[in-house]
Amino acid sequence: MKTIMTLVASAFLASCAGTATTAGDVKPYPKNTCIVTDNKLGSMGTPITKVYGDQEVKFCCKPCIAKFEKDPQKYLAKLP
């Protein structure tokens, strides 16, 4: 039963936007600046980390998350 629940939970998480199935599947964020504003991470308080597909993304503040979510491909294109 535990295995079935684990599989169901994994399938659910994989289907949600902004998630990956395991930490090993996630590419680390390569920059020390916000993906939206290019502000230094930590300059506006504790950086916020999210995962979109298989990519970790970091933001300087909550408003940047909303901007990113309107056009994620625009910002993801900034990554190497």
PDB file of N, CA and C in Angstrom:
ATOM      1  N   MET A   1       0.824  -1.197   0.000  1.00  0.00           N
ATOM      2  CA  MET A   1       0.000   0.000   0.000  1.00  0.00           C
ATOM      3  C   MET A   1       0.869   1.261   0.000  1.00  0.00           C
ATOM      4  N   LYS A   2       1.962   1.240   0.796  1.00  0.00           N
ATOM      5  CA  LYS A   2       2.842   2.399   0.861  1.00  0.00           C
ATOM      6  C   LYS A   2       3.442   2.695  -0.514  1.00  0.00           C
ATOM      7  N   THR A   3       3.819   1.659  -1.266  1.00  0.00           N
ATOM      8  CA  THR A   3       4.390   1.835  -2.593  1.00  0.00           C
ATOM      9  C   THR A   3       3.380   2.479  -3.531  1.00  0.00           C
ATOM     10  N   ILE A   4       2.135   2.046  -3.462  1.00  0.00           N
ATOM     11  CA  ILE A   4       1.096   2.620  -4.314  1.00  0.00           C
ATOM     12  C   ILE A   4       0.903   4.100  -3.981  1.00  0.00           C
ATOM     13  N   MET A   5       0.873   4.430  -2.700  1.00  0.00           N
ATOM     14  CA  MET A   5       0.699   5.818  -2.292  1.00  0.00           C
ATOM     15  C   MET A   5       1.885   6.666  -2.753  1.00  0.00           C
ATOM     16  N   THR A   6       3.081   6.112  -2.687  1.00  0.00           N
ATOM     17  CA  THR A   6       4.264   6.829  -3.141  1.00  0.00           C
ATOM     18  C   THR A   6       4.186   7.096  -4.633  1.00  0.00           C
ATOM     19  N   LEU A   7       3.757   6.099  -5.405  1.00  0.00           N
ATOM     20  CA  LEU A   7       3.621   6.270  -6.847  1.00  0.00           C
ATOM     21  C   LEU A   7       2.561   7.307  -7.192  1.00  0.00           C
ATOM     22  N   VAL A   8       1.451   7.273  -6.486  1.00  0.00           N
ATOM     23  CA  VAL A   8       0.380   8.236  -6.730  1.00  0.00           C
ATOM     24  C   VAL A   8       0.875   9.644  -6.389  1.00  0.00           C
ATOM     25  N   ALA A   9       1.545   9.788  -5.264  1.00  0.00           N
ATOM     26  CA  ALA A   9       2.060  11.089  -4.866  1.00  0.00           C
ATOM     27  C   ALA A   9       3.090  11.590  -5.872  1.00  0.00           C
ATOM     28  N   SER A  10       3.971  10.720  -6.338  1.00  0.00           N
ATOM     29  CA  SER A  10       4.976  11.116  -7.318  1.00  0.00           C
ATOM     30  C   SER A  10       4.337  11.549  -8.624  1.00  0.00           C
ATOM     31  N   ALA A  11       3.318  10.821  -9.068  1.00  0.00           N
ATOM     32  CA  ALA A  11       2.621  11.167 -10.305  1.00  0.00           C
ATOM     33  C   ALA A  11       1.926  12.514 -10.167  1.00  0.00           C
ATOM     34  N   PHE A  12       1.332  12.746  -9.003  1.00  0.00           N
ATOM     35  CA  PHE A  12       0.662  14.028  -8.758  1.00  0.00           C
ATOM     36  C   PHE A  12       1.667  15.168  -8.804  1.00  0.00           C
ATOM     37  N   LEU A  13       2.781  15.023  -8.108  1.00  0.00           N
ATOM     38  CA  LEU A  13       3.789  16.077  -8.076  1.00  0.00           C
ATOM     39  C   LEU A  13       4.366  16.345  -9.455  1.00  0.00           C
ATOM     40  N   ALA A  14       4.566  15.296 -10.230  1.00  0.00           N
ATOM     41  CA  ALA A  14       5.129  15.466 -11.565  1.00  0.00           C
ATOM     42  C   ALA A  14       4.168  16.213 -12.482  1.00  0.00           C
ATOM     43  N   SER A  15       2.874  16.090 -12.216  1.00  0.00           N
ATOM     44  CA  SER A  15       1.892  16.755 -13.075  1.00  0.00           C
ATOM     45  C   SER A  15       1.660  18.209 -12.700  1.00  0.00           C
ATOM     46  N   CYS A  16       2.126  18.631 -11.531  1.00  0.00           N
ATOM     47  CA  CYS A  16       1.948  20.010 -11.084  1.00  0.00           C
ATOM     48  C   CYS A  16       2.966  20.921 -11.749  1.00  0.00           C
ATOM     49  N   ALA A  17       2.529  22.097 -12.150  1.00  0.00           N
ATOM     50  CA  ALA A  17       3.458  23.071 -12.742  1.00  0.00           C
ATOM     51  C   ALA A  17       4.453  23.507 -11.682  1.00  0.00           C
ATOM     52  N   GLY A  18       5.699  23.634 -12.095  1.00  0.00           N
ATOM     53  CA  GLY A  18       6.710  24.124 -11.177  1.00  0.00           C
ATOM     54  C   GLY A  18       7.269  23.087 -10.238  1.00  0.00           C
ATOM     55  N   THR A  19       7.109  21.795 -10.544  1.00  0.00           N
ATOM     56  CA  THR A  19       7.669  20.771  -9.671  1.00  0.00           C
ATOM     57  C   THR A  19       8.431  19.747 -10.480  1.00  0.00           C
ATOM     58  N   ALA A  20       9.311  19.056  -9.810  1.00  0.00           N
ATOM     59  CA  ALA A  20      10.027  17.930 -10.399  1.00  0.00           C
ATOM     60  C   ALA A  20       9.824  16.740  -9.481  1.00  0.00           C
ATOM     61  N   THR A  21      10.047  15.534  -9.990  1.00  0.00           N
ATOM     62  CA  THR A  21       9.746  14.347  -9.199  1.00  0.00           C
ATOM     63  C   THR A  21      10.751  14.092  -8.097  1.00  0.00           C
ATOM     64  N   THR A  22      12.023  14.365  -8.311  1.00  0.00           N
ATOM     65  CA  THR A  22      13.023  14.174  -7.265  1.00  0.00           C
ATOM     66  C   THR A  22      14.043  15.290  -7.325  1.00  0.00           C
ATOM     67  N   ALA A  23      14.734  15.490  -6.229  1.00  0.00           N
ATOM     68  CA  ALA A  23      15.736  16.547  -6.180  1.00  0.00           C
ATOM     69  C   ALA A  23      16.849  16.307  -7.194  1.00  0.00           C
ATOM     70  N   GLY A  24      17.158  15.055  -7.512  1.00  0.00           N
ATOM     71  CA  GLY A  24      18.203  14.745  -8.472  1.00  0.00           C
ATOM     72  C   GLY A  24      17.857  15.161  -9.884  1.00  0.00           C
ATOM     73  N   ASP A  25      16.576  15.380 -10.164  1.00  0.00           N
ATOM     74  CA  ASP A  25      16.130  15.777 -11.496  1.00  0.00           C
ATOM     75  C   ASP A  25      16.243  17.283 -11.723  1.00  0.00           C
ATOM     76  N   VAL A  26      16.542  18.026 -10.685  1.00  0.00           N
ATOM     77  CA  VAL A  26      16.505  19.488 -10.753  1.00  0.00           C
ATOM     78  C   VAL A  26      17.893  20.059 -11.056  1.00  0.00           C
ATOM     79  N   LYS A  27      17.934  20.925 -12.089  1.00  0.00           N
ATOM     80  CA  LYS A  27      19.178  21.630 -12.418  1.00  0.00           C
ATOM     81  C   LYS A  27      19.330  22.800 -11.449  1.00  0.00           C
ATOM     82  N   PRO A  28      20.486  22.961 -10.835  1.00  0.00           N
ATOM     83  CA  PRO A  28      20.676  24.076  -9.895  1.00  0.00           C
ATOM     84  C   PRO A  28      20.667  25.420 -10.613  1.00  0.00           C
ATOM     85  N   TYR A  29      20.227  26.437  -9.919  1.00  0.00           N
ATOM     86  CA  TYR A  29      20.209  27.798 -10.462  1.00  0.00           C
ATOM     87  C   TYR A  29      21.651  28.301 -10.548  1.00  0.00           C
ATOM     88  N   PRO A  30      22.106  28.717 -11.725  1.00  0.00           N
ATOM     89  CA  PRO A  30      23.523  29.025 -11.920  1.00  0.00           C
ATOM     90  C   PRO A  30      23.948  30.468 -11.630  1.00  0.00           C
ATOM     91  N   LYS A  31      22.998  31.341 -11.281  1.00  0.00           N
ATOM     92  CA  LYS A  31      23.331  32.759 -11.140  1.00  0.00           C
ATOM     93  C   LYS A  31      23.252  33.196  -9.681  1.00  0.00           C
ATOM     94  N   ASN A  32      23.855  34.329  -9.354  1.00  0.00           N
ATOM     95  CA  ASN A  32      23.723  34.896  -8.009  1.00  0.00           C
ATOM     96  C   ASN A  32      22.862  36.159  -8.045  1.00  0.00           C
ATOM     97  N   THR A  33      22.062  36.276  -9.111  1.00  0.00           N
ATOM     98  CA  THR A  33      21.132  37.393  -9.272  1.00  0.00           C
ATOM     99  C   THR A  33      19.733  36.863  -9.568  1.00  0.00           C
ATOM    100  N   CYS A  34      18.738  37.690  -9.307  1.00  0.00           N
ATOM    101  CA  CYS A  34      17.339  37.357  -9.579  1.00  0.00           C
ATOM    102  C   CYS A  34      17.140  37.142 -11.079  1.00  0.00           C
ATOM    103  N   ILE A  35      16.398  36.121 -11.439  1.00  0.00           N
ATOM    104  CA  ILE A  35      16.165  35.823 -12.855  1.00  0.00           C
ATOM    105  C   ILE A  35      15.344  36.917 -13.542  1.00  0.00           C
ATOM    106  N   VAL A  36      14.549  37.668 -12.780  1.00  0.00           N
ATOM    107  CA  VAL A  36      13.682  38.694 -13.361  1.00  0.00           C
ATOM    108  C   VAL A  36      14.375  40.057 -13.423  1.00  0.00           C
ATOM    109  N   THR A  37      14.904  40.527 -12.289  1.00  0.00           N
ATOM    110  CA  THR A  37      15.438  41.897 -12.216  1.00  0.00           C
ATOM    111  C   THR A  37      16.953  41.993 -12.324  1.00  0.00           C
ATOM    112  N   ASP A  38      17.626  40.875 -12.191  1.00  0.00           N
ATOM    113  CA  ASP A  38      19.098  40.834 -12.141  1.00  0.00           C
ATOM    114  C   ASP A  38      19.652  41.509 -10.888  1.00  0.00           C
ATOM    115  N   ASN A  39      18.793  41.739  -9.873  1.00  0.00           N
ATOM    116  CA  ASN A  39      19.273  42.233  -8.581  1.00  0.00           C
ATOM    117  C   ASN A  39      20.038  41.115  -7.890  1.00  0.00           C
ATOM    118  N   LYS A  40      21.041  41.476  -7.113  1.00  0.00           N
ATOM    119  CA  LYS A  40      21.806  40.488  -6.358  1.00  0.00           C
ATOM    120  C   LYS A  40      20.870  39.753  -5.390  1.00  0.00           C
ATOM    121  N   LEU A  41      20.943  38.429  -5.394  1.00  0.00           N
ATOM    122  CA  LEU A  41      20.109  37.654  -4.476  1.00  0.00           C
ATOM    123  C   LEU A  41      20.496  37.990  -3.040  1.00  0.00           C
ATOM    124  N   GLY A  42      19.494  38.224  -2.196  1.00  0.00           N
ATOM    125  CA  GLY A  42      19.718  38.617  -0.817  1.00  0.00           C
ATOM    126  C   GLY A  42      19.633  40.123  -0.615  1.00  0.00           C
ATOM    127  N   SER A  43      19.618  40.896  -1.694  1.00  0.00           N
ATOM    128  CA  SER A  43      19.563  42.353  -1.577  1.00  0.00           C
ATOM    129  C   SER A  43      18.186  42.847  -1.121  1.00  0.00           C
ATOM    130  N   MET A  44      17.172  42.004  -1.273  1.00  0.00           N
ATOM    131  CA  MET A  44      15.815  42.390  -0.882  1.00  0.00           C
ATOM    132  C   MET A  44      15.276  41.442   0.191  1.00  0.00           C
ATOM    133  N   GLY A  45      16.170  40.842   0.957  1.00  0.00           N
ATOM    134  CA  GLY A  45      15.776  39.866   1.961  1.00  0.00           C
ATOM    135  C   GLY A  45      16.161  38.470   1.493  1.00  0.00           C
ATOM    136  N   THR A  46      15.601  37.482   2.140  1.00  0.00           N
ATOM    137  CA  THR A  46      15.922  36.099   1.806  1.00  0.00           C
ATOM    138  C   THR A  46      15.415  35.765   0.407  1.00  0.00           C
ATOM    139  N   PRO A  47      16.293  35.244  -0.467  1.00  0.00           N
ATOM    140  CA  PRO A  47      15.855  34.870  -1.817  1.00  0.00           C
ATOM    141  C   PRO A  47      14.792  33.767  -1.758  1.00  0.00           C
ATOM    142  N   ILE A  48      13.944  33.750  -2.764  1.00  0.00           N
ATOM    143  CA  ILE A  48      12.882  32.755  -2.877  1.00  0.00           C
ATOM    144  C   ILE A  48      13.270  31.781  -3.977  1.00  0.00           C
ATOM    145  N   THR A  49      13.237  30.492  -3.663  1.00  0.00           N
ATOM    146  CA  THR A  49      13.603  29.461  -4.627  1.00  0.00           C
ATOM    147  C   THR A  49      12.373  28.676  -5.031  1.00  0.00           C
ATOM    148  N   LYS A  50      12.184  28.487  -6.316  1.00  0.00           N
ATOM    149  CA  LYS A  50      11.096  27.684  -6.878  1.00  0.00           C
ATOM    150  C   LYS A  50      11.694  26.733  -7.895  1.00  0.00           C
ATOM    151  N   VAL A  51      10.946  25.697  -8.233  1.00  0.00           N
ATOM    152  CA  VAL A  51      11.365  24.766  -9.276  1.00  0.00           C
ATOM    153  C   VAL A  51      10.313  24.789 -10.373  1.00  0.00           C
ATOM    154  N   TYR A  52      10.755  25.008 -11.602  1.00  0.00           N
ATOM    155  CA  TYR A  52       9.875  25.017 -12.767  1.00  0.00           C
ATOM    156  C   TYR A  52      10.370  23.937 -13.709  1.00  0.00           C
ATOM    157  N   GLY A  53       9.543  22.920 -13.902  1.00  0.00           N
ATOM    158  CA  GLY A  53       9.966  21.774 -14.698  1.00  0.00           C
ATOM    159  C   GLY A  53      11.143  21.118 -14.021  1.00  0.00           C
ATOM    160  N   ASP A  54      12.303  21.150 -14.660  1.00  0.00           N
ATOM    161  CA  ASP A  54      13.496  20.552 -14.065  1.00  0.00           C
ATOM    162  C   ASP A  54      14.534  21.604 -13.691  1.00  0.00           C
ATOM    163  N   GLN A  55      14.126  22.875 -13.613  1.00  0.00           N
ATOM    164  CA  GLN A  55      15.066  23.964 -13.351  1.00  0.00           C
ATOM    165  C   GLN A  55      14.749  24.692 -12.056  1.00  0.00           C
ATOM    166  N   GLU A  56      15.719  24.792 -11.175  1.00  0.00           N
ATOM    167  CA  GLU A  56      15.598  25.622  -9.987  1.00  0.00           C
ATOM    168  C   GLU A  56      15.733  27.075 -10.438  1.00  0.00           C
ATOM    169  N   VAL A  57      14.900  27.958  -9.873  1.00  0.00           N
ATOM    170  CA  VAL A  57      14.918  29.376 -10.221  1.00  0.00           C
ATOM    171  C   VAL A  57      14.885  30.172  -8.915  1.00  0.00           C
ATOM    172  N   LYS A  58      15.636  31.275  -8.865  1.00  0.00           N
ATOM    173  CA  LYS A  58      15.675  32.094  -7.653  1.00  0.00           C
ATOM    174  C   LYS A  58      15.235  33.526  -7.954  1.00  0.00           C
ATOM    175  N   PHE A  59      14.503  34.070  -6.978  1.00  0.00           N
ATOM    176  CA  PHE A  59      13.934  35.412  -7.092  1.00  0.00           C
ATOM    177  C   PHE A  59      14.369  36.254  -5.903  1.00  0.00           C
ATOM    178  N   CYS A  60      14.452  37.578  -6.116  1.00  0.00           N
ATOM    179  CA  CYS A  60      14.825  38.482  -5.030  1.00  0.00           C
ATOM    180  C   CYS A  60      13.626  38.814  -4.133  1.00  0.00           C
ATOM    181  N   CYS A  61      12.398  38.706  -4.669  1.00  0.00           N
ATOM    182  CA  CYS A  61      11.209  39.068  -3.899  1.00  0.00           C
ATOM    183  C   CYS A  61       9.952  38.432  -4.520  1.00  0.00           C
ATOM    184  N   LYS A  62       8.857  38.449  -3.780  1.00  0.00           N
ATOM    185  CA  LYS A  62       7.602  37.848  -4.256  1.00  0.00           C
ATOM    186  C   LYS A  62       7.057  38.464  -5.550  1.00  0.00           C
ATOM    187  N   PRO A  63       7.084  39.790  -5.721  1.00  0.00           N
ATOM    188  CA  PRO A  63       6.566  40.342  -6.982  1.00  0.00           C
ATOM    189  C   PRO A  63       7.260  39.785  -8.226  1.00  0.00           C
ATOM    190  N   CYS A  64       8.522  39.409  -8.092  1.00  0.00           N
ATOM    191  CA  CYS A  64       9.242  38.842  -9.246  1.00  0.00           C
ATOM    192  C   CYS A  64       8.680  37.485  -9.656  1.00  0.00           C
ATOM    193  N   ILE A  65       8.142  36.748  -8.704  1.00  0.00           N
ATOM    194  CA  ILE A  65       7.539  35.452  -9.025  1.00  0.00           C
ATOM    195  C   ILE A  65       6.359  35.655  -9.965  1.00  0.00           C
ATOM    196  N   ALA A  66       5.498  36.630  -9.647  1.00  0.00           N
ATOM    197  CA  ALA A  66       4.327  36.915 -10.489  1.00  0.00           C
ATOM    198  C   ALA A  66       4.748  37.345 -11.892  1.00  0.00           C
ATOM    199  N   LYS A  67       5.777  38.181 -11.988  1.00  0.00           N
ATOM    200  CA  LYS A  67       6.270  38.611 -13.302  1.00  0.00           C
ATOM    201  C   LYS A  67       6.794  37.413 -14.084  1.00  0.00           C
ATOM    202  N   PHE A  68       7.553  36.559 -13.420  1.00  0.00           N
ATOM    203  CA  PHE A  68       8.112  35.368 -14.059  1.00  0.00           C
ATOM    204  C   PHE A  68       7.001  34.462 -14.579  1.00  0.00           C
ATOM    205  N   GLU A  69       5.977  34.240 -13.760  1.00  0.00           N
ATOM    206  CA  GLU A  69       4.910  33.308 -14.118  1.00  0.00           C
ATOM    207  C   GLU A  69       4.060  33.793 -15.287  1.00  0.00           C
ATOM    208  N   LYS A  70       4.086  35.082 -15.607  1.00  0.00           N
ATOM    209  CA  LYS A  70       3.360  35.593 -16.781  1.00  0.00           C
ATOM    210  C   LYS A  70       4.031  35.168 -18.078  1.00  0.00           C
ATOM    211  N   ASP A  71       5.357  34.998 -18.056  1.00  0.00           N
ATOM    212  CA  ASP A  71       6.104  34.612 -19.253  1.00  0.00           C
ATOM    213  C   ASP A  71       7.392  33.887 -18.860  1.00  0.00           C
ATOM    214  N   PRO A  72       7.280  32.673 -18.309  1.00  0.00           N
ATOM    215  CA  PRO A  72       8.468  31.967 -17.813  1.00  0.00           C
ATOM    216  C   PRO A  72       9.535  31.739 -18.876  1.00  0.00           C
ATOM    217  N   GLN A  73       9.135  31.465 -20.114  1.00  0.00           N
ATOM    218  CA  GLN A  73      10.126  31.187 -21.154  1.00  0.00           C
ATOM    219  C   GLN A  73      11.023  32.392 -21.427  1.00  0.00           C
ATOM    220  N   LYS A  74      10.475  33.579 -21.306  1.00  0.00           N
ATOM    221  CA  LYS A  74      11.256  34.814 -21.499  1.00  0.00           C
ATOM    222  C   LYS A  74      12.425  34.846 -20.517  1.00  0.00           C
ATOM    223  N   TYR A  75      12.148  34.492 -19.272  1.00  0.00           N
ATOM    224  CA  TYR A  75      13.181  34.563 -18.225  1.00  0.00           C
ATOM    225  C   TYR A  75      14.080  33.327 -18.235  1.00  0.00           C
ATOM    226  N   LEU A  76      13.511  32.159 -18.499  1.00  0.00           N
ATOM    227  CA  LEU A  76      14.327  30.944 -18.541  1.00  0.00           C
ATOM    228  C   LEU A  76      15.352  31.016 -19.661  1.00  0.00           C
ATOM    229  N   ALA A  77      15.062  31.784 -20.702  1.00  0.00           N
ATOM    230  CA  ALA A  77      15.998  31.947 -21.817  1.00  0.00           C
ATOM    231  C   ALA A  77      17.280  32.663 -21.375  1.00  0.00           C
ATOM    232  N   LYS A  78      17.240  33.335 -20.231  1.00  0.00           N
ATOM    233  CA  LYS A  78      18.422  34.028 -19.709  1.00  0.00           C
ATOM    234  C   LYS A  78      19.446  33.067 -19.123  1.00  0.00           C
ATOM    235  N   LEU A  79      19.031  31.837 -18.865  1.00  0.00           N
ATOM    236  CA  LEU A  79      19.933  30.865 -18.232  1.00  0.00           C
ATOM    237  C   LEU A  79      20.842  30.213 -19.265  1.00  0.00           C
ATOM    238  N   PRO A  80      22.062  29.894 -18.839  1.00  0.00           N
ATOM    239  CA  PRO A  80      22.999  29.232 -19.762  1.00  0.00           C
ATOM    240  C   PRO A  80      22.567  27.825 -20.104  1.00  0.00           C
TER     241      PRO A  80
END
